[in-house]
């Protein structure tokens, strides 16, 4: 079996894969930034996707991978959702990452997990607030957030898929929709395991609460306003009142209280997570999704993705 590189996207069940699927696969060496090799790997992977060419530790990473192979026989399975570029990309680092991954693992099979963009952006916005942001999503989208360059174009998935197909070959790039996981976690896990290990396996299903559950719109509004007044963070250098360390621990409190008692219908009426006018962004996503359907054969429209009409689709031709 070839090496496999899972590159994300962010907010597409990476935690589920890294916790419940990848560690349970036999015959491959699972490598991620929080596993056994975390202390050594984390700075190298971060260097790969953030460093410019002058500071990229190319040979150090190559040596690490070679040593890992010696200690862990079998195909390498590398997983990091930021390899797709992250939520706040620096220039076109996703394309640079693709070249660097190909240089390190030229014969690998690449796994890309995508997600319907409106849900993905809402989830990304929720994460921004949970990390200390305080602006509305409309302001985040318009570039009015501190130290957070949110670029909707990164969720035009076909650009990334086309580039990886150019580098690795079309038969070595697999695209899977996150929505398949939401509908049938067992089947999704089995398909991923077939790709990685060559055979489906029984993957233990998660128990208890789902990881990384987004807060409700009501809780997000409470949190972002509390952040602005009391929480110092990367996205809020100067709280308007004063710094209160306990403000950073508000999320589980809101999840256990507000989210349990406030009706969803009320939450939707004060939703800060959907800009009023997304027409231009949705048109861009529709074109990208239509091209991705043509490239992969996936029926994204049936999964809720916005796609072009049949007439418009004829004018969208996928890149080779």
C-alpha atoms as a PDB file:
ATOM      1  CA  UNK A   1       0.000   0.000   0.000  1.00  0.00           C
ATOM      2  CA  UNK A   2       1.208   3.539  -0.702  1.00  0.00           C
ATOM      3  CA  UNK A   3       1.713   6.226   1.890  1.00  0.00           C
ATOM      4  CA  UNK A   4      -1.426   8.274   2.586  1.00  0.00           C
ATOM      5  CA  UNK A   5      -1.579  11.978   3.397  1.00  0.00           C
ATOM      6  CA  UNK A   6      -4.821  13.354   4.838  1.00  0.00           C
ATOM      7  CA  UNK A   7      -4.680  17.127   4.292  1.00  0.00           C
ATOM      8  CA  UNK A   8      -8.048  18.315   5.651  1.00  0.00           C
ATOM      9  CA  UNK A   9      -9.934  20.619   5.063  1.00  0.00           C
ATOM     10  CA  UNK A  10     -10.317  22.180   8.523  1.00  0.00           C
ATOM     11  CA  UNK A  11     -13.679  21.547  10.224  1.00  0.00           C
ATOM     12  CA  UNK A  12     -14.336  18.379   8.213  1.00  0.00           C
ATOM     13  CA  UNK A  13     -14.196  15.673  10.909  1.00  0.00           C
ATOM     14  CA  UNK A  14     -10.409  15.530  11.192  1.00  0.00           C
ATOM     15  CA  UNK A  15     -10.695  14.895  14.935  1.00  0.00           C
ATOM     16  CA  UNK A  16     -13.008  11.931  14.294  1.00  0.00           C
ATOM     17  CA  UNK A  17     -10.598  10.445  11.761  1.00  0.00           C
ATOM     18  CA  UNK A  18      -7.544  11.014  13.954  1.00  0.00           C
ATOM     19  CA  UNK A  19      -9.225   9.647  17.082  1.00  0.00           C
ATOM     20  CA  UNK A  20     -11.518   6.842  15.937  1.00  0.00           C
ATOM     21  CA  UNK A  21     -10.298   5.733  12.500  1.00  0.00           C
ATOM     22  CA  UNK A  22      -6.605   6.177  11.791  1.00  0.00           C
ATOM     23  CA  UNK A  23      -5.244   4.793  15.111  1.00  0.00           C
ATOM     24  CA  UNK A  24      -7.259   1.580  14.610  1.00  0.00           C
ATOM     25  CA  UNK A  25      -5.859   0.720  11.184  1.00  0.00           C
ATOM     26  CA  UNK A  26      -3.409  -2.162  11.082  1.00  0.00           C
ATOM     27  CA  UNK A  27      -0.368  -2.248   8.854  1.00  0.00           C
ATOM     28  CA  UNK A  28       0.369   1.468   8.638  1.00  0.00           C
ATOM     29  CA  UNK A  29       2.362   3.952  10.685  1.00  0.00           C
ATOM     30  CA  UNK A  30      -0.011   6.719  11.799  1.00  0.00           C
ATOM     31  CA  UNK A  31       1.744  10.049  12.181  1.00  0.00           C
ATOM     32  CA  UNK A  32       0.016  13.167  13.464  1.00  0.00           C
ATOM     33  CA  UNK A  33       1.009  16.283  15.377  1.00  0.00           C
ATOM     34  CA  UNK A  34      -0.516  15.117  18.677  1.00  0.00           C
ATOM     35  CA  UNK A  35       0.554  11.444  18.659  1.00  0.00           C
ATOM     36  CA  UNK A  36       3.658   9.658  19.885  1.00  0.00           C
ATOM     37  CA  UNK A  37       5.918  11.863  17.779  1.00  0.00           C
ATOM     38  CA  UNK A  38       4.165  15.127  18.655  1.00  0.00           C
ATOM     39  CA  UNK A  39       7.115  16.871  20.271  1.00  0.00           C
ATOM     40  CA  UNK A  40       9.278  16.388  17.185  1.00  0.00           C
ATOM     41  CA  UNK A  41       6.667  16.451  14.447  1.00  0.00           C
ATOM     42  CA  UNK A  42       4.542  19.451  15.486  1.00  0.00           C
ATOM     43  CA  UNK A  43       7.201  22.111  14.829  1.00  0.00           C
ATOM     44  CA  UNK A  44       8.218  20.432  11.570  1.00  0.00           C
ATOM     45  CA  UNK A  45       4.663  20.272  10.215  1.00  0.00           C
ATOM     46  CA  UNK A  46       3.972  23.838  11.269  1.00  0.00           C
ATOM     47  CA  UNK A  47       7.193  24.829   9.559  1.00  0.00           C
ATOM     48  CA  UNK A  48       6.057  23.026   6.402  1.00  0.00           C
ATOM     49  CA  UNK A  49       2.806  24.946   6.094  1.00  0.00           C
ATOM     50  CA  UNK A  50       3.840  28.353   7.451  1.00  0.00           C
ATOM     51  CA  UNK A  51       7.539  28.910   6.693  1.00  0.00           C
ATOM     52  CA  UNK A  52       8.712  30.686   3.575  1.00  0.00           C
ATOM     53  CA  UNK A  53      11.236  28.929   1.361  1.00  0.00           C
ATOM     54  CA  UNK A  54      14.221  30.482   3.141  1.00  0.00           C
ATOM     55  CA  UNK A  55      13.125  29.045   6.489  1.00  0.00           C
ATOM     56  CA  UNK A  56      11.586  25.743   5.401  1.00  0.00           C
ATOM     57  CA  UNK A  57      13.354  22.826   7.154  1.00  0.00           C
ATOM     58  CA  UNK A  58      13.140  20.557   4.137  1.00  0.00           C
ATOM     59  CA  UNK A  59      15.988  18.177   4.936  1.00  0.00           C
ATOM     60  CA  UNK A  60      15.204  18.061   8.650  1.00  0.00           C
ATOM     61  CA  UNK A  61      11.687  16.880   7.844  1.00  0.00           C
ATOM     62  CA  UNK A  62      13.004  14.386   5.291  1.00  0.00           C
ATOM     63  CA  UNK A  63      15.356  12.927   7.897  1.00  0.00           C
ATOM     64  CA  UNK A  64      12.555  12.697  10.464  1.00  0.00           C
ATOM     65  CA  UNK A  65      10.316  10.808   8.021  1.00  0.00           C
ATOM     66  CA  UNK A  66      13.121   8.401   7.136  1.00  0.00           C
ATOM     67  CA  UNK A  67      13.823   7.688  10.803  1.00  0.00           C
ATOM     68  CA  UNK A  68      10.103   7.210  11.505  1.00  0.00           C
ATOM     69  CA  UNK A  69       9.903   4.680   8.686  1.00  0.00           C
ATOM     70  CA  UNK A  70      12.802   2.722  10.143  1.00  0.00           C
ATOM     71  CA  UNK A  71      11.135   2.531  13.557  1.00  0.00           C
ATOM     72  CA  UNK A  72       7.602   1.947  12.214  1.00  0.00           C
ATOM     73  CA  UNK A  73       7.441  -0.452   9.248  1.00  0.00           C
ATOM     74  CA  UNK A  74       4.586  -0.177   6.811  1.00  0.00           C
ATOM     75  CA  UNK A  75       3.012   2.661   4.816  1.00  0.00           C
ATOM     76  CA  UNK A  76       3.076   6.087   6.405  1.00  0.00           C
ATOM     77  CA  UNK A  77      -0.241   7.746   7.249  1.00  0.00           C
ATOM     78  CA  UNK A  78       0.202  11.476   7.831  1.00  0.00           C
ATOM     79  CA  UNK A  79      -2.790  13.565   8.931  1.00  0.00           C
ATOM     80  CA  UNK A  80      -2.996  17.324   9.459  1.00  0.00           C
ATOM     81  CA  UNK A  81      -5.977  19.434   8.401  1.00  0.00           C
ATOM     82  CA  UNK A  82      -3.917  22.606   7.999  1.00  0.00           C
ATOM     83  CA  UNK A  83      -2.014  21.111   5.085  1.00  0.00           C
ATOM     84  CA  UNK A  84      -4.960  22.252   2.950  1.00  0.00           C
ATOM     85  CA  UNK A  85      -4.071  25.838   3.851  1.00  0.00           C
ATOM     86  CA  UNK A  86      -5.815  26.481   7.173  1.00  0.00           C
ATOM     87  CA  UNK A  87      -8.711  28.825   7.876  1.00  0.00           C
ATOM     88  CA  UNK A  88      -6.537  31.942   7.634  1.00  0.00           C
ATOM     89  CA  UNK A  89      -4.139  31.245   4.761  1.00  0.00           C
ATOM     90  CA  UNK A  90      -0.935  33.143   4.165  1.00  0.00           C
ATOM     91  CA  UNK A  91      -0.851  34.015   0.471  1.00  0.00           C
ATOM     92  CA  UNK A  92      -1.226  30.739  -1.466  1.00  0.00           C
ATOM     93  CA  UNK A  93       0.386  28.466   1.120  1.00  0.00           C
ATOM     94  CA  UNK A  94      -1.976  25.616   0.177  1.00  0.00           C
ATOM     95  CA  UNK A  95      -0.268  25.373  -3.220  1.00  0.00           C
ATOM     96  CA  UNK A  96       3.183  25.590  -1.666  1.00  0.00           C
ATOM     97  CA  UNK A  97       2.178  22.884   0.805  1.00  0.00           C
ATOM     98  CA  UNK A  98       1.163  20.650  -2.102  1.00  0.00           C
ATOM     99  CA  UNK A  99       4.592  21.001  -3.691  1.00  0.00           C
ATOM    100  CA  UNK A 100       6.354  20.334  -0.404  1.00  0.00           C
ATOM    101  CA  UNK A 101       4.247  17.250   0.351  1.00  0.00           C
ATOM    102  CA  UNK A 102       4.958  15.909  -3.130  1.00  0.00           C
ATOM    103  CA  UNK A 103       8.657  16.504  -2.617  1.00  0.00           C
ATOM    104  CA  UNK A 104       8.627  14.590   0.681  1.00  0.00           C
ATOM    105  CA  UNK A 105       6.172  11.810  -0.289  1.00  0.00           C
ATOM    106  CA  UNK A 106       5.966  11.721  -4.108  1.00  0.00           C
ATOM    107  CA  UNK A 107       4.193   8.354  -4.316  1.00  0.00           C
ATOM    108  CA  UNK A 108       1.575   9.038  -1.646  1.00  0.00           C
ATOM    109  CA  UNK A 109      -2.196   8.836  -1.984  1.00  0.00           C
ATOM    110  CA  UNK A 110      -3.887  12.077  -0.918  1.00  0.00           C
ATOM    111  CA  UNK A 111      -7.192  12.167   1.001  1.00  0.00           C
ATOM    112  CA  UNK A 112      -9.215  15.398   0.866  1.00  0.00           C
ATOM    113  CA  UNK A 113     -12.408  15.792   2.914  1.00  0.00           C
ATOM    114  CA  UNK A 114     -14.689  18.630   1.817  1.00  0.00           C
ATOM    115  CA  UNK A 115     -17.839  20.101   3.343  1.00  0.00           C
ATOM    116  CA  UNK A 116     -20.774  22.184   2.136  1.00  0.00           C
ATOM    117  CA  UNK A 117     -19.367  25.694   2.232  1.00  0.00           C
ATOM    118  CA  UNK A 118     -22.138  27.517   4.085  1.00  0.00           C
ATOM    119  CA  UNK A 119     -21.994  25.027   6.959  1.00  0.00           C
ATOM    120  CA  UNK A 120     -18.201  25.043   6.810  1.00  0.00           C
ATOM    121  CA  UNK A 121     -17.993  28.825   7.065  1.00  0.00           C
ATOM    122  CA  UNK A 122     -20.436  28.870   9.984  1.00  0.00           C
ATOM    123  CA  UNK A 123     -18.322  26.272  11.766  1.00  0.00           C
ATOM    124  CA  UNK A 124     -15.155  28.249  11.025  1.00  0.00           C
ATOM    125  CA  UNK A 125     -16.777  31.401  12.395  1.00  0.00           C
ATOM    126  CA  UNK A 126     -17.824  29.570  15.547  1.00  0.00           C
ATOM    127  CA  UNK A 127     -14.235  28.434  16.035  1.00  0.00           C
ATOM    128  CA  UNK A 128     -13.009  32.005  15.562  1.00  0.00           C
ATOM    129  CA  UNK A 129     -15.277  33.227  18.369  1.00  0.00           C
ATOM    130  CA  UNK A 130     -14.313  30.323  20.620  1.00  0.00           C
ATOM    131  CA  UNK A 131     -10.665  31.298  20.163  1.00  0.00           C
ATOM    132  CA  UNK A 132     -11.322  34.862  21.291  1.00  0.00           C
ATOM    133  CA  UNK A 133     -12.746  36.684  18.276  1.00  0.00           C
ATOM    134  CA  UNK A 134     -15.519  39.206  18.753  1.00  0.00           C
ATOM    135  CA  UNK A 135     -16.712  40.458  15.347  1.00  0.00           C
ATOM    136  CA  UNK A 136     -19.832  39.264  13.536  1.00  0.00           C
ATOM    137  CA  UNK A 137     -19.353  36.864  10.659  1.00  0.00           C
ATOM    138  CA  UNK A 138     -20.222  39.614   8.187  1.00  0.00           C
ATOM    139  CA  UNK A 139     -17.318  41.645   9.601  1.00  0.00           C
ATOM    140  CA  UNK A 140     -15.007  38.641   9.527  1.00  0.00           C
ATOM    141  CA  UNK A 141     -15.893  38.059   5.884  1.00  0.00           C
ATOM    142  CA  UNK A 142     -15.324  41.748   5.102  1.00  0.00           C
ATOM    143  CA  UNK A 143     -11.838  41.700   6.625  1.00  0.00           C
ATOM    144  CA  UNK A 144     -12.655  43.696   9.748  1.00  0.00           C
ATOM    145  CA  UNK A 145     -11.342  41.193  12.303  1.00  0.00           C
ATOM    146  CA  UNK A 146      -8.073  41.592  14.169  1.00  0.00           C
ATOM    147  CA  UNK A 147      -5.302  39.386  12.787  1.00  0.00           C
ATOM    148  CA  UNK A 148      -7.703  37.075  10.932  1.00  0.00           C
ATOM    149  CA  UNK A 149      -7.557  37.153   7.142  1.00  0.00           C
ATOM    150  CA  UNK A 150     -10.571  35.051   6.232  1.00  0.00           C
ATOM    151  CA  UNK A 151     -10.630  34.286   2.504  1.00  0.00           C
ATOM    152  CA  UNK A 152     -13.761  32.496   1.217  1.00  0.00           C
ATOM    153  CA  UNK A 153     -11.883  31.513  -1.947  1.00  0.00           C
ATOM    154  CA  UNK A 154     -10.010  28.840  -0.006  1.00  0.00           C
ATOM    155  CA  UNK A 155     -13.265  26.873   0.023  1.00  0.00           C
ATOM    156  CA  UNK A 156     -13.383  26.719  -3.758  1.00  0.00           C
ATOM    157  CA  UNK A 157     -12.196  23.142  -3.439  1.00  0.00           C
ATOM    158  CA  UNK A 158     -11.568  22.386  -7.087  1.00  0.00           C
ATOM    159  CA  UNK A 159      -8.420  24.549  -7.197  1.00  0.00           C
ATOM    160  CA  UNK A 160      -6.721  22.400  -4.565  1.00  0.00           C
ATOM    161  CA  UNK A 161      -7.974  19.120  -6.032  1.00  0.00           C
ATOM    162  CA  UNK A 162      -6.762  20.044  -9.515  1.00  0.00           C
ATOM    163  CA  UNK A 163      -3.294  20.943  -8.201  1.00  0.00           C
ATOM    164  CA  UNK A 164      -2.920  17.710  -6.237  1.00  0.00           C
ATOM    165  CA  UNK A 165      -4.072  15.704  -9.259  1.00  0.00           C
ATOM    166  CA  UNK A 166      -1.432  17.456 -11.346  1.00  0.00           C
ATOM    167  CA  UNK A 167       1.270  16.541  -8.825  1.00  0.00           C
ATOM    168  CA  UNK A 168       0.238  13.051  -7.719  1.00  0.00           C
ATOM    169  CA  UNK A 169      -2.029  11.863 -10.532  1.00  0.00           C
ATOM    170  CA  UNK A 170      -5.829  11.738 -10.648  1.00  0.00           C
ATOM    171  CA  UNK A 171      -5.900   8.141  -9.381  1.00  0.00           C
ATOM    172  CA  UNK A 172      -3.953   9.123  -6.257  1.00  0.00           C
ATOM    173  CA  UNK A 173      -6.298  11.864  -5.034  1.00  0.00           C
ATOM    174  CA  UNK A 174      -9.519  10.864  -3.258  1.00  0.00           C
ATOM    175  CA  UNK A 175     -12.192  13.421  -2.357  1.00  0.00           C
ATOM    176  CA  UNK A 176     -14.793  12.508   0.273  1.00  0.00           C
ATOM    177  CA  UNK A 177     -17.697  14.707   1.448  1.00  0.00           C
ATOM    178  CA  UNK A 178     -18.053  15.341   5.175  1.00  0.00           C
ATOM    179  CA  UNK A 179     -21.818  14.887   4.789  1.00  0.00           C
ATOM    180  CA  UNK A 180     -21.319  11.168   4.198  1.00  0.00           C
ATOM    181  CA  UNK A 181     -19.864  10.975   7.690  1.00  0.00           C
ATOM    182  CA  UNK A 182     -22.816  12.844   9.190  1.00  0.00           C
ATOM    183  CA  UNK A 183     -25.271  10.450   7.525  1.00  0.00           C
ATOM    184  CA  UNK A 184     -23.455   7.173   8.130  1.00  0.00           C
ATOM    185  CA  UNK A 185     -20.289   7.353  10.306  1.00  0.00           C
ATOM    186  CA  UNK A 186     -19.657   3.604  10.073  1.00  0.00           C
ATOM    187  CA  UNK A 187     -19.722   3.517   6.292  1.00  0.00           C
ATOM    188  CA  UNK A 188     -17.604   6.654   6.026  1.00  0.00           C
ATOM    189  CA  UNK A 189     -14.988   5.179   8.362  1.00  0.00           C
ATOM    190  CA  UNK A 190     -15.009   1.893   6.453  1.00  0.00           C
ATOM    191  CA  UNK A 191     -14.436   3.657   3.129  1.00  0.00           C
ATOM    192  CA  UNK A 192     -11.550   5.643   4.574  1.00  0.00           C
ATOM    193  CA  UNK A 193      -9.998   2.506   6.051  1.00  0.00           C
ATOM    194  CA  UNK A 194     -10.322   0.745   2.682  1.00  0.00           C
ATOM    195  CA  UNK A 195      -8.387   3.575   1.086  1.00  0.00           C
ATOM    196  CA  UNK A 196      -5.668   3.580   3.724  1.00  0.00           C
ATOM    197  CA  UNK A 197      -5.219  -0.113   4.517  1.00  0.00           C
ATOM    198  CA  UNK A 198      -6.726  -1.735   1.437  1.00  0.00           C
ATOM    199  CA  UNK A 199      -9.604  -3.322   3.344  1.00  0.00           C
ATOM    200  CA  UNK A 200     -12.595  -2.156   5.376  1.00  0.00           C
ATOM    201  CA  UNK A 201     -12.375  -2.585   9.125  1.00  0.00           C
ATOM    202  CA  UNK A 202     -14.754  -2.257  12.038  1.00  0.00           C
ATOM    203  CA  UNK A 203     -13.995   1.108  13.570  1.00  0.00           C
ATOM    204  CA  UNK A 204     -15.074   1.726  17.181  1.00  0.00           C
ATOM    205  CA  UNK A 205     -17.826   4.315  17.185  1.00  0.00           C
ATOM    206  CA  UNK A 206     -17.368   7.389  19.350  1.00  0.00           C
ATOM    207  CA  UNK A 207     -19.185   7.405  22.667  1.00  0.00           C
ATOM    208  CA  UNK A 208     -20.403  10.361  24.671  1.00  0.00           C
ATOM    209  CA  UNK A 209     -20.484  13.891  23.291  1.00  0.00           C
ATOM    210  CA  UNK A 210     -19.314  14.652  19.778  1.00  0.00           C
ATOM    211  CA  UNK A 211     -15.992  16.465  19.669  1.00  0.00           C
ATOM    212  CA  UNK A 212     -15.822  20.140  18.710  1.00  0.00           C
ATOM    213  CA  UNK A 213     -19.574  20.802  18.714  1.00  0.00           C
ATOM    214  CA  UNK A 214     -20.325  24.379  17.630  1.00  0.00           C
ATOM    215  CA  UNK A 215     -22.142  26.696  20.004  1.00  0.00           C
ATOM    216  CA  UNK A 216     -25.645  27.941  19.238  1.00  0.00           C
ATOM    217  CA  UNK A 217     -26.086  31.441  17.750  1.00  0.00           C
ATOM    218  CA  UNK A 218     -27.254  32.717  21.146  1.00  0.00           C
ATOM    219  CA  UNK A 219     -24.164  31.406  22.899  1.00  0.00           C
ATOM    220  CA  UNK A 220     -21.909  32.728  20.143  1.00  0.00           C
ATOM    221  CA  UNK A 221     -23.333  36.218  20.566  1.00  0.00           C
ATOM    222  CA  UNK A 222     -22.836  36.064  24.337  1.00  0.00           C
ATOM    223  CA  UNK A 223     -19.308  34.761  23.911  1.00  0.00           C
ATOM    224  CA  UNK A 224     -18.152  37.241  21.302  1.00  0.00           C
ATOM    225  CA  UNK A 225     -19.407  40.196  23.344  1.00  0.00           C
ATOM    226  CA  UNK A 226     -17.801  38.792  26.469  1.00  0.00           C
ATOM    227  CA  UNK A 227     -14.598  38.278  24.475  1.00  0.00           C
ATOM    228  CA  UNK A 228     -14.584  41.925  23.416  1.00  0.00           C
ATOM    229  CA  UNK A 229     -14.884  43.177  26.970  1.00  0.00           C
ATOM    230  CA  UNK A 230     -12.847  40.692  28.977  1.00  0.00           C
ATOM    231  CA  UNK A 231     -10.800  38.224  26.913  1.00  0.00           C
ATOM    232  CA  UNK A 232      -7.338  39.022  25.612  1.00  0.00           C
ATOM    233  CA  UNK A 233      -6.452  36.853  22.635  1.00  0.00           C
ATOM    234  CA  UNK A 234      -4.768  36.783  19.255  1.00  0.00           C
ATOM    235  CA  UNK A 235      -7.938  38.314  17.832  1.00  0.00           C
ATOM    236  CA  UNK A 236      -8.534  40.840  20.629  1.00  0.00           C
ATOM    237  CA  UNK A 237      -5.338  42.478  21.807  1.00  0.00           C
ATOM    238  CA  UNK A 238      -7.079  45.125  23.941  1.00  0.00           C
ATOM    239  CA  UNK A 239     -10.290  44.138  25.785  1.00  0.00           C
ATOM    240  CA  UNK A 240     -12.562  47.147  26.229  1.00  0.00           C
ATOM    241  CA  UNK A 241     -12.991  46.661  29.988  1.00  0.00           C
ATOM    242  CA  UNK A 242     -10.170  44.571  31.384  1.00  0.00           C
ATOM    243  CA  UNK A 243      -8.696  41.136  30.987  1.00  0.00           C
ATOM    244  CA  UNK A 244     -10.469  38.417  32.958  1.00  0.00           C
ATOM    245  CA  UNK A 245      -8.778  34.997  32.505  1.00  0.00           C
ATOM    246  CA  UNK A 246     -11.996  33.160  33.329  1.00  0.00           C
ATOM    247  CA  UNK A 247     -13.551  34.543  30.130  1.00  0.00           C
ATOM    248  CA  UNK A 248     -11.514  32.001  28.166  1.00  0.00           C
ATOM    249  CA  UNK A 249     -13.388  29.201  29.962  1.00  0.00           C
ATOM    250  CA  UNK A 250     -16.875  30.363  29.058  1.00  0.00           C
ATOM    251  CA  UNK A 251     -17.543  27.892  26.230  1.00  0.00           C
ATOM    252  CA  UNK A 252     -18.379  24.751  28.280  1.00  0.00           C
ATOM    253  CA  UNK A 253     -20.577  26.825  30.583  1.00  0.00           C
ATOM    254  CA  UNK A 254     -22.599  28.161  27.649  1.00  0.00           C
ATOM    255  CA  UNK A 255     -22.813  24.731  26.067  1.00  0.00           C
ATOM    256  CA  UNK A 256     -24.097  23.173  29.293  1.00  0.00           C
ATOM    257  CA  UNK A 257     -26.592  25.927  30.104  1.00  0.00           C
ATOM    258  CA  UNK A 258     -27.724  28.261  27.323  1.00  0.00           C
ATOM    259  CA  UNK A 259     -27.554  25.678  24.552  1.00  0.00           C
ATOM    260  CA  UNK A 260     -29.684  23.277  26.557  1.00  0.00           C
ATOM    261  CA  UNK A 261     -32.555  25.648  27.308  1.00  0.00           C
ATOM    262  CA  UNK A 262     -32.800  28.163  24.442  1.00  0.00           C
ATOM    263  CA  UNK A 263     -35.084  26.912  21.633  1.00  0.00           C
ATOM    264  CA  UNK A 264     -33.383  26.616  18.205  1.00  0.00           C
ATOM    265  CA  UNK A 265     -36.133  28.784  16.695  1.00  0.00           C
ATOM    266  CA  UNK A 266     -35.109  31.664  18.976  1.00  0.00           C
ATOM    267  CA  UNK A 267     -31.426  31.143  18.185  1.00  0.00           C
ATOM    268  CA  UNK A 268     -32.074  31.427  14.471  1.00  0.00           C
ATOM    269  CA  UNK A 269     -33.744  34.821  14.899  1.00  0.00           C
ATOM    270  CA  UNK A 270     -30.558  36.386  16.291  1.00  0.00           C
ATOM    271  CA  UNK A 271     -28.069  34.429  14.210  1.00  0.00           C
ATOM    272  CA  UNK A 272     -24.779  36.363  13.787  1.00  0.00           C
ATOM    273  CA  UNK A 273     -23.243  33.626  11.697  1.00  0.00           C
ATOM    274  CA  UNK A 274     -24.819  34.268   8.303  1.00  0.00           C
ATOM    275  CA  UNK A 275     -24.158  37.481   6.370  1.00  0.00           C
ATOM    276  CA  UNK A 276     -27.259  38.928   4.776  1.00  0.00           C
ATOM    277  CA  UNK A 277     -25.825  38.904   1.267  1.00  0.00           C
ATOM    278  CA  UNK A 278     -23.736  35.945   0.185  1.00  0.00           C
ATOM    279  CA  UNK A 279     -24.797  36.018  -3.456  1.00  0.00           C
ATOM    280  CA  UNK A 280     -21.341  36.635  -4.917  1.00  0.00           C
ATOM    281  CA  UNK A 281     -19.696  34.088  -2.637  1.00  0.00           C
ATOM    282  CA  UNK A 282     -22.326  31.442  -3.369  1.00  0.00           C
ATOM    283  CA  UNK A 283     -21.970  32.005  -7.111  1.00  0.00           C
ATOM    284  CA  UNK A 284     -18.242  31.393  -6.754  1.00  0.00           C
ATOM    285  CA  UNK A 285     -18.866  28.224  -4.734  1.00  0.00           C
ATOM    286  CA  UNK A 286     -21.454  26.990  -7.236  1.00  0.00           C
ATOM    287  CA  UNK A 287     -18.965  27.169 -10.083  1.00  0.00           C
ATOM    288  CA  UNK A 288     -16.281  25.432  -8.016  1.00  0.00           C
ATOM    289  CA  UNK A 289     -18.623  22.670  -6.836  1.00  0.00           C
ATOM    290  CA  UNK A 290     -19.839  22.027 -10.364  1.00  0.00           C
ATOM    291  CA  UNK A 291     -16.269  21.604 -11.566  1.00  0.00           C
ATOM    292  CA  UNK A 292     -15.522  19.328  -8.615  1.00  0.00           C
ATOM    293  CA  UNK A 293     -18.534  17.172  -9.490  1.00  0.00           C
ATOM    294  CA  UNK A 294     -17.211  16.817 -13.023  1.00  0.00           C
ATOM    295  CA  UNK A 295     -13.718  15.953 -11.799  1.00  0.00           C
ATOM    296  CA  UNK A 296     -14.737  13.373  -9.208  1.00  0.00           C
ATOM    297  CA  UNK A 297     -18.182  12.085 -10.134  1.00  0.00           C
ATOM    298  CA  UNK A 298     -19.501  13.079  -6.709  1.00  0.00           C
ATOM    299  CA  UNK A 299     -23.130  14.228  -6.566  1.00  0.00           C
ATOM    300  CA  UNK A 300     -22.515  17.273  -4.401  1.00  0.00           C
ATOM    301  CA  UNK A 301     -25.811  18.927  -5.279  1.00  0.00           C
ATOM    302  CA  UNK A 302     -27.674  15.984  -3.770  1.00  0.00           C
ATOM    303  CA  UNK A 303     -25.741  16.557  -0.537  1.00  0.00           C
ATOM    304  CA  UNK A 304     -26.838  20.184  -0.260  1.00  0.00           C
ATOM    305  CA  UNK A 305     -23.899  21.901  -1.959  1.00  0.00           C
ATOM    306  CA  UNK A 306     -24.776  24.856  -4.144  1.00  0.00           C
ATOM    307  CA  UNK A 307     -24.113  23.996  -7.809  1.00  0.00           C
ATOM    308  CA  UNK A 308     -24.703  25.687 -11.120  1.00  0.00           C
ATOM    309  CA  UNK A 309     -27.775  25.114 -13.228  1.00  0.00           C
ATOM    310  CA  UNK A 310     -27.402  22.659 -16.091  1.00  0.00           C
ATOM    311  CA  UNK A 311     -27.057  25.495 -18.585  1.00  0.00           C
ATOM    312  CA  UNK A 312     -24.371  27.260 -16.560  1.00  0.00           C
ATOM    313  CA  UNK A 313     -22.577  23.977 -15.917  1.00  0.00           C
ATOM    314  CA  UNK A 314     -21.962  23.511 -19.641  1.00  0.00           C
ATOM    315  CA  UNK A 315     -19.848  26.654 -19.555  1.00  0.00           C
ATOM    316  CA  UNK A 316     -17.736  25.356 -16.634  1.00  0.00           C
ATOM    317  CA  UNK A 317     -15.086  22.971 -17.851  1.00  0.00           C
ATOM    318  CA  UNK A 318     -12.788  21.248 -15.354  1.00  0.00           C
ATOM    319  CA  UNK A 319      -9.072  21.793 -15.590  1.00  0.00           C
ATOM    320  CA  UNK A 320      -7.087  18.749 -16.659  1.00  0.00           C
END
